[in-house]
Amino acid sequence: MSVAVITGSSGLVGSESVRYFAAQGMDVAGIDNGMRARFFGESASTGWMTERLKNEVSGFHHHDVDIRDADRIRRVFEQYAGEIELVIHAAAQPSHDWAATDPATDFTVNAWGTSALLEAARKFAPDAVFIYMSTNKVYGDRPNQLPLVELETRWEIDSGHEYAAGIPESMSIDSTLHSLFGASKVAADVLVQEYGRYFGMKTACFRGGCLTGPNHSGTQLHGFLAYLMKCAVTGAPYRIFGYKGKQVRDNIHSADLVRAFDAFFRHPRSGEVYNIGGGRESNCSMLEAIALCEEITGNRLDCTYVDDNRRGDHIWWISDLSRFQAHFPDWTIACGVPQILREIYELNVERWREACVI
């Protein structure tokens, strides 16, 4: 039986990957120690998803292991040695705001944890495909230097600019403010590339825009659309940070992202880098997302505006998907923002309302 090792297996991307590759007939070794609750509190815990995967997914084996524990990571890989065909590394400290409160934890989780996984893979599964969930924060705040035009509900790039279709992988990551989170992810990103180029492993960095979907345990510091919908459902207050609420993000459904992983898995390369997000097919501003949430829930969002933006936050980000689509022309975006928000609402509305009653 072929095995997929998936870190962060109870998170948004991890859980989607577990279900997808288990459905392809693979056994899945999921690595997740529930650290999201430490980062963002119990309301953001993914424990509910861990139990759901254990109960619902045949061939899923949960390993409660901290990715920073190199010895225990090595033992997991050794357990499945000779059977591992795929590694998806989706575990992370994912918030640039949180990183500033504990830089050491942020760096060890994101950078050292990735190093431990790469070494275990190199020793026990050198021929496996290694996919790393990176981030567009590796570009720091350089996108904020783009010529942007203010429209009624969003910022947009000048239509004649070379990045009008989205931001490509060629954008420099140097001499820019990254946030500590961005710096730790850069370190891991470059390591993954290097294991591909230096050791010949089949590795790829997927530099994600906003990753989203109905399985997201959204919180104020991470999980934009899921948390916004949660506030619209429960009546919890929501704060907009700067840019007049017109900041733009491309949003990719976790199912579309995992199909991209599968495309790479089936035809891998070494040391690849891809910007991945909703691109021009799936994006919205904060104001546009709020309007959609209010329409879907029938509720008015309790919203306040804070003039100070989050430090290093992007004003406008849309991924240029052309490099990935050139390599994998059969892959396309299937879910746009309205559909994503409806799915988030339909899967979570009862659970959120019950939590409020309790």
Protein backbone atom coordinates (compact mmCIF):
# COMPACT_ATOMS: atom_id res chain seq x y z
CA MET A 1 0.00 0.00 0.00
CA SER A 2 1.36 3.46 -0.90
CA VAL A 3 1.46 6.00 1.91
CA ALA A 4 1.00 9.77 2.01
CA VAL A 5 2.48 11.58 5.00
CA ILE A 6 0.50 14.76 5.66
CA THR A 7 1.47 17.30 8.33
CA GLY A 8 -1.08 19.66 9.78
CA SER A 9 -3.54 16.90 8.91
CA SER A 10 -6.40 18.38 10.93
CA GLY A 11 -6.06 21.86 9.44
CA LEU A 12 -7.74 23.23 6.37
CA VAL A 13 -5.27 22.07 3.71
CA GLY A 14 -4.20 18.97 5.61
CA SER A 15 -7.69 17.61 6.17
CA GLU A 16 -8.67 18.24 2.56
CA SER A 17 -5.51 16.40 1.50
CA VAL A 18 -6.24 13.49 3.85
CA ARG A 19 -9.67 12.91 2.36
CA TYR A 20 -8.53 13.38 -1.23
CA PHE A 21 -5.56 11.01 -1.20
CA ALA A 22 -7.31 8.42 0.98
CA ALA A 23 -10.05 8.40 -1.67
CA GLN A 24 -7.30 7.66 -4.23
CA GLY A 25 -6.55 4.46 -2.31
CA MET A 26 -3.52 5.64 -0.32
CA ASP A 27 -2.97 5.06 3.37
CA VAL A 28 -2.46 8.38 5.13
CA ALA A 29 -0.17 9.07 8.06
CA GLY A 30 -1.45 12.33 9.51
CA ILE A 31 0.84 14.38 11.75
CA ASP A 32 -0.90 16.99 13.91
CA ASN A 33 -0.43 17.90 17.57
CA GLY A 34 -3.27 20.41 17.82
CA MET A 35 -0.95 23.39 18.18
CA ARG A 36 -3.41 25.72 16.44
CA ALA A 37 -5.31 25.99 19.75
CA ARG A 38 -2.13 27.27 21.40
CA PHE A 39 -1.69 29.88 18.70
CA PHE A 40 -5.26 31.17 18.56
CA GLY A 41 -7.21 29.73 21.49
CA GLU A 42 -9.66 26.87 21.90
CA SER A 43 -12.20 28.44 19.55
CA ALA A 44 -9.73 27.82 16.71
CA SER A 45 -8.93 24.25 17.75
CA THR A 46 -8.86 21.60 15.04
CA GLY A 47 -9.58 18.79 17.49
CA TRP A 48 -13.07 18.39 16.03
CA MET A 49 -11.54 17.65 12.64
CA THR A 50 -9.07 15.14 14.08
CA GLU A 51 -11.97 13.12 15.49
CA ARG A 52 -13.93 13.43 12.28
CA LEU A 53 -11.03 12.10 10.20
CA LYS A 54 -10.46 9.19 12.59
CA ASN A 55 -14.11 8.22 12.35
CA GLU A 56 -14.76 8.85 8.68
CA VAL A 57 -11.58 8.14 6.69
CA SER A 58 -10.51 4.58 6.09
CA GLY A 59 -6.74 4.14 6.09
CA PHE A 60 -6.10 7.30 8.13
CA HIS A 61 -3.59 6.99 10.98
CA HIS A 62 -3.21 9.95 13.31
CA HIS A 63 0.18 10.75 14.87
CA ASP A 64 0.16 13.31 17.68
CA VAL A 65 3.67 14.58 17.00
CA ASP A 66 5.28 18.02 17.11
CA ILE A 67 7.09 18.55 13.80
CA ARG A 68 9.97 20.15 15.71
CA ASP A 69 10.71 16.80 17.40
CA ALA A 70 13.17 15.42 14.85
CA ASP A 71 13.50 12.04 16.58
CA ARG A 72 9.77 11.37 16.60
CA ILE A 73 9.40 12.61 13.04
CA ARG A 74 12.19 10.26 12.01
CA ARG A 75 10.37 7.35 13.69
CA VAL A 76 7.15 8.10 11.83
CA PHE A 77 8.97 8.08 8.50
CA GLU A 78 10.90 4.96 9.48
CA GLN A 79 7.61 3.21 10.29
CA TYR A 80 6.42 3.68 6.70
CA ALA A 81 9.81 3.45 4.98
CA GLY A 82 9.58 1.94 1.52
CA GLU A 83 5.88 2.81 1.20
CA ILE A 84 5.89 6.63 1.29
CA GLU A 85 5.16 8.10 -2.12
CA LEU A 86 3.98 11.56 -1.10
CA VAL A 87 4.69 14.09 1.65
CA ILE A 88 2.45 17.14 2.02
CA HIS A 89 3.81 19.57 4.57
CA ALA A 90 0.94 21.84 5.60
CA ALA A 91 1.73 22.29 9.30
CA ALA A 92 2.76 25.81 10.28
CA GLN A 93 2.47 28.75 12.60
CA PRO A 94 0.38 30.67 10.04
CA SER A 95 -0.05 34.22 11.38
CA HIS A 96 2.32 37.15 10.88
CA ASP A 97 0.63 38.92 13.82
CA TRP A 98 1.14 35.98 16.19
CA ALA A 99 4.76 35.50 15.12
CA ALA A 100 5.76 38.83 16.69
CA THR A 101 4.52 37.61 20.10
CA ASP A 102 6.83 34.57 20.09
CA PRO A 103 9.44 34.69 17.34
CA ALA A 104 11.32 31.61 18.57
CA THR A 105 8.27 29.37 18.40
CA ASP A 106 7.33 30.78 15.01
CA PHE A 107 10.79 30.11 13.58
CA THR A 108 11.24 26.66 15.05
CA VAL A 109 7.83 25.48 13.88
CA ASN A 110 8.11 26.91 10.39
CA ALA A 111 11.82 26.58 9.62
CA TRP A 112 13.24 23.90 11.91
CA GLY A 113 10.14 21.73 11.57
CA THR A 114 10.50 21.82 7.80
CA SER A 115 14.17 20.90 8.08
CA ALA A 116 13.31 17.89 10.27
CA LEU A 117 10.74 16.68 7.75
CA LEU A 118 13.04 17.12 4.76
CA GLU A 119 15.79 15.14 6.45
CA ALA A 120 13.42 12.33 7.42
CA ALA A 121 12.12 12.21 3.86
CA ARG A 122 15.65 12.23 2.42
CA LYS A 123 16.63 9.27 4.61
CA PHE A 124 13.50 7.12 4.46
CA ALA A 125 11.62 8.29 1.34
CA PRO A 126 14.09 9.94 -1.04
CA ASP A 127 11.97 9.17 -4.10
CA ALA A 128 8.75 10.55 -2.62
CA VAL A 129 7.20 13.77 -3.86
CA PHE A 130 7.58 16.50 -1.21
CA ILE A 131 5.04 19.35 -1.39
CA TYR A 132 5.47 22.35 0.89
CA MET A 133 2.65 24.78 1.62
CA SER A 134 4.48 28.09 1.50
CA THR A 135 2.94 31.57 1.44
CA ASN A 136 2.83 34.79 -0.55
CA LYS A 137 4.28 36.47 2.56
CA VAL A 138 7.71 35.38 1.29
CA TYR A 139 7.46 38.46 -0.96
CA GLY A 140 7.08 40.71 2.08
CA ASP A 141 5.38 44.03 1.46
CA ARG A 142 6.91 44.47 -2.01
CA PRO A 143 3.45 44.11 -3.65
CA ASN A 144 2.49 47.36 -1.92
CA GLN A 145 4.88 49.18 -4.25
CA LEU A 146 2.74 48.32 -7.26
CA PRO A 147 0.78 51.14 -8.96
CA LEU A 148 -2.72 50.71 -7.57
CA VAL A 149 -5.93 52.48 -8.48
CA GLU A 150 -8.70 53.09 -5.94
CA LEU A 151 -12.12 51.89 -7.12
CA GLU A 152 -15.46 52.02 -5.33
CA THR A 153 -15.08 48.71 -3.46
CA ARG A 154 -11.45 47.70 -4.02
CA TRP A 155 -7.91 48.59 -4.91
CA GLU A 156 -6.82 47.39 -8.34
CA ILE A 157 -3.60 47.35 -10.28
CA ASP A 158 -3.22 49.60 -13.29
CA SER A 159 -4.58 47.64 -16.26
CA GLY A 160 -1.48 48.31 -18.31
CA HIS A 161 0.97 46.96 -15.73
CA GLU A 162 2.91 43.76 -16.44
CA TYR A 163 1.34 42.20 -13.32
CA ALA A 164 -2.25 42.94 -14.38
CA ALA A 165 -2.89 39.17 -14.64
CA GLY A 166 -1.44 38.65 -11.17
CA ILE A 167 1.89 38.55 -9.34
CA PRO A 168 4.41 36.04 -10.74
CA GLU A 169 7.14 34.01 -9.04
CA SER A 170 9.76 36.37 -10.49
CA MET A 171 8.89 39.12 -8.00
CA SER A 172 11.92 39.72 -5.75
CA ILE A 173 11.77 38.62 -2.12
CA ASP A 174 14.75 40.82 -1.11
CA SER A 175 14.99 44.23 0.59
CA THR A 176 11.41 44.29 1.84
CA LEU A 177 9.54 44.02 5.15
CA HIS A 178 8.45 40.40 5.55
CA SER A 179 7.15 40.11 9.11
CA LEU A 180 8.81 37.46 11.27
CA PHE A 181 6.34 34.91 9.97
CA GLY A 182 7.32 35.77 6.40
CA ALA A 183 11.00 35.37 7.28
CA SER A 184 10.51 31.93 8.84
CA LYS A 185 8.53 30.80 5.82
CA VAL A 186 11.23 32.14 3.47
CA ALA A 187 13.78 29.98 5.31
CA ALA A 188 11.62 26.89 4.90
CA ASP A 189 10.76 27.74 1.29
CA VAL A 190 14.42 28.03 0.30
CA LEU A 191 15.25 24.77 2.12
CA VAL A 192 12.59 22.90 0.18
CA GLN A 193 13.92 24.30 -3.08
CA GLU A 194 17.46 23.36 -2.11
CA TYR A 195 16.60 19.75 -1.25
CA GLY A 196 15.18 19.54 -4.75
CA ARG A 197 18.09 21.17 -6.53
CA TYR A 198 20.98 19.89 -4.37
CA PHE A 199 19.78 16.38 -3.54
CA GLY A 200 17.57 15.83 -6.59
CA MET A 201 14.42 15.27 -4.55
CA LYS A 202 11.03 15.95 -6.14
CA THR A 203 10.06 19.06 -4.20
CA ALA A 204 7.73 22.00 -4.76
CA CYS A 205 6.85 25.18 -2.86
CA PHE A 206 3.27 26.33 -3.31
CA ARG A 207 3.20 30.01 -2.34
CA GLY A 208 -0.41 30.40 -1.33
CA GLY A 209 -2.62 33.45 -1.37
CA CYS A 210 -5.66 33.10 0.93
CA LEU A 211 -6.35 29.41 1.45
CA THR A 212 -9.93 28.82 2.42
CA GLY A 213 -12.84 26.42 2.51
CA PRO A 214 -15.57 25.00 4.75
CA ASN A 215 -13.14 23.05 6.95
CA HIS A 216 -11.22 26.16 8.03
CA SER A 217 -11.14 26.86 11.77
CA GLY A 218 -10.97 30.61 11.18
CA THR A 219 -9.88 33.11 13.80
CA GLN A 220 -9.22 36.84 13.89
CA LEU A 221 -5.52 36.44 13.19
CA HIS A 222 -5.85 33.79 10.49
CA GLY A 223 -8.56 32.51 8.18
CA PHE A 224 -10.09 35.61 6.59
CA LEU A 225 -13.25 34.29 4.91
CA ALA A 226 -14.09 31.61 7.48
CA TYR A 227 -13.76 34.01 10.40
CA LEU A 228 -15.70 36.72 8.59
CA MET A 229 -18.58 34.30 7.96
CA LYS A 230 -18.44 33.09 11.57
CA CYS A 231 -18.85 36.67 12.79
CA ALA A 232 -21.75 37.25 10.41
CA VAL A 233 -23.50 34.12 11.73
CA THR A 234 -22.85 34.61 15.45
CA GLY A 235 -23.01 38.40 15.68
CA ALA A 236 -19.44 38.62 16.96
CA PRO A 237 -17.75 41.97 16.23
CA TYR A 238 -15.36 42.16 13.29
CA ARG A 239 -12.56 44.68 12.80
CA ILE A 240 -11.26 45.89 9.45
CA PHE A 241 -7.63 46.96 9.58
CA GLY A 242 -6.79 49.82 7.25
CA TYR A 243 -6.77 50.39 3.50
CA LYS A 244 -10.43 51.57 3.67
CA GLY A 245 -11.52 47.95 3.68
CA LYS A 246 -10.65 47.78 0.00
CA GLN A 247 -7.65 45.44 0.34
CA VAL A 248 -7.86 42.58 -2.18
CA ARG A 249 -7.03 38.91 -1.73
CA ASP A 250 -7.32 36.02 -4.09
CA ASN A 251 -8.98 33.07 -2.39
CA ILE A 252 -8.44 29.44 -3.36
CA HIS A 253 -10.74 26.68 -2.18
CA SER A 254 -8.81 23.92 -0.43
CA ALA A 255 -10.26 21.40 -2.89
CA ASP A 256 -8.82 23.33 -5.85
CA LEU A 257 -5.48 23.54 -4.06
CA VAL A 258 -5.34 19.81 -3.36
CA ARG A 259 -6.13 19.05 -6.99
CA ALA A 260 -3.07 21.17 -7.81
CA PHE A 261 -1.04 19.03 -5.38
CA ASP A 262 -2.28 15.92 -7.15
CA ALA A 263 -1.29 17.31 -10.55
CA PHE A 264 2.25 17.87 -9.29
CA PHE A 265 2.32 14.47 -7.56
CA ARG A 266 1.52 12.71 -10.81
CA HIS A 267 4.10 14.64 -12.86
CA PRO A 268 6.69 15.96 -10.36
CA ARG A 269 9.68 18.18 -10.90
CA SER A 270 12.62 19.16 -8.65
CA GLY A 271 12.92 22.42 -6.70
CA GLU A 272 9.82 24.04 -8.20
CA VAL A 273 8.08 27.21 -7.00
CA TYR A 274 4.49 28.15 -7.81
CA ASN A 275 2.33 31.07 -6.80
CA ILE A 276 -1.05 29.51 -6.10
CA GLY A 277 -4.32 31.18 -5.25
CA GLY A 278 -7.65 32.06 -6.75
CA GLY A 279 -5.98 34.29 -9.32
CA ARG A 280 -8.27 36.36 -11.49
CA GLU A 281 -10.95 33.65 -11.19
CA SER A 282 -11.52 33.95 -7.43
CA ASN A 283 -10.71 37.13 -5.53
CA CYS A 284 -12.45 39.82 -3.50
CA SER A 285 -11.87 42.87 -1.35
CA MET A 286 -12.80 43.05 2.31
CA LEU A 287 -15.85 45.21 1.50
CA GLU A 288 -16.95 42.78 -1.22
CA ALA A 289 -16.59 39.78 1.11
CA ILE A 290 -18.62 41.51 3.83
CA ALA A 291 -21.44 42.21 1.38
CA LEU A 292 -21.50 38.55 0.32
CA CYS A 293 -21.54 37.31 3.94
CA GLU A 294 -24.44 39.63 4.77
CA GLU A 295 -26.34 38.44 1.70
CA ILE A 296 -25.82 34.74 2.52
CA THR A 297 -26.65 34.98 6.24
CA GLY A 298 -29.28 37.67 6.06
CA ASN A 299 -27.49 39.35 8.98
CA ARG A 300 -25.84 42.71 9.27
CA LEU A 301 -22.18 42.36 10.25
CA ASP A 302 -21.13 44.12 13.48
CA CYS A 303 -18.17 45.80 11.88
CA THR A 304 -15.73 48.52 13.00
CA TYR A 305 -12.92 50.13 11.05
CA VAL A 306 -9.39 50.64 12.38
CA ASP A 307 -7.36 53.09 10.33
CA ASP A 308 -4.00 51.42 11.08
CA ASN A 309 -3.32 48.48 8.79
CA ARG A 310 -1.51 45.41 10.00
CA ARG A 311 2.21 45.93 9.57
CA GLY A 312 3.43 44.54 6.26
CA ASP A 313 -0.09 43.58 5.19
CA HIS A 314 -0.73 43.46 1.45
CA ILE A 315 -2.99 46.07 -0.11
CA TRP A 316 -3.53 43.96 -3.22
CA TRP A 317 -2.63 40.37 -3.95
CA ILE A 318 -3.74 38.29 -6.89
CA SER A 319 -1.60 35.31 -7.91
CA ASP A 320 -0.43 34.85 -11.47
CA LEU A 321 -1.25 31.18 -12.08
CA SER A 322 0.24 30.99 -15.55
CA ARG A 323 3.43 29.15 -14.56
CA PHE A 324 1.55 26.35 -12.82
CA GLN A 325 -1.04 26.16 -15.58
CA ALA A 326 1.69 25.97 -18.22
CA HIS A 327 3.15 22.94 -16.43
CA PHE A 328 -0.27 21.41 -15.68
CA PRO A 329 -2.73 22.68 -18.31
CA ASP A 330 -5.60 20.43 -17.20
CA TRP A 331 -5.84 22.15 -13.81
CA THR A 332 -8.24 25.07 -13.40
CA ILE A 333 -9.98 26.98 -10.61
CA ALA A 334 -13.41 25.41 -10.00
CA CYS A 335 -14.71 27.41 -7.01
CA GLY A 336 -15.09 31.18 -6.83
CA VAL A 337 -15.58 33.35 -3.75
CA PRO A 338 -19.42 33.26 -3.66
CA GLN A 339 -19.45 29.45 -3.78
CA ILE A 340 -16.69 29.22 -1.16
CA LEU A 341 -18.62 31.44 1.25
CA ARG A 342 -21.83 29.48 0.74
CA GLU A 343 -20.00 26.22 1.52
CA ILE A 344 -18.41 27.72 4.65
CA TYR A 345 -21.86 28.83 5.81
CA GLU A 346 -23.68 25.58 5.08
CA LEU A 347 -21.13 23.30 6.77
CA ASN A 348 -20.60 25.40 9.89
CA VAL A 349 -23.76 27.38 10.64
CA GLU A 350 -25.32 24.86 13.04
CA ARG A 351 -22.05 24.18 14.87
CA TRP A 352 -21.40 27.90 15.34
CA ARG A 353 -24.94 28.58 16.54
CA GLU A 354 -24.82 25.69 19.02
CA ALA A 355 -21.52 27.01 20.41
CA CYS A 356 -23.14 30.40 20.97
CA VAL A 357 -26.06 28.84 22.87
CA ILE A 358 -23.70 26.86 25.06
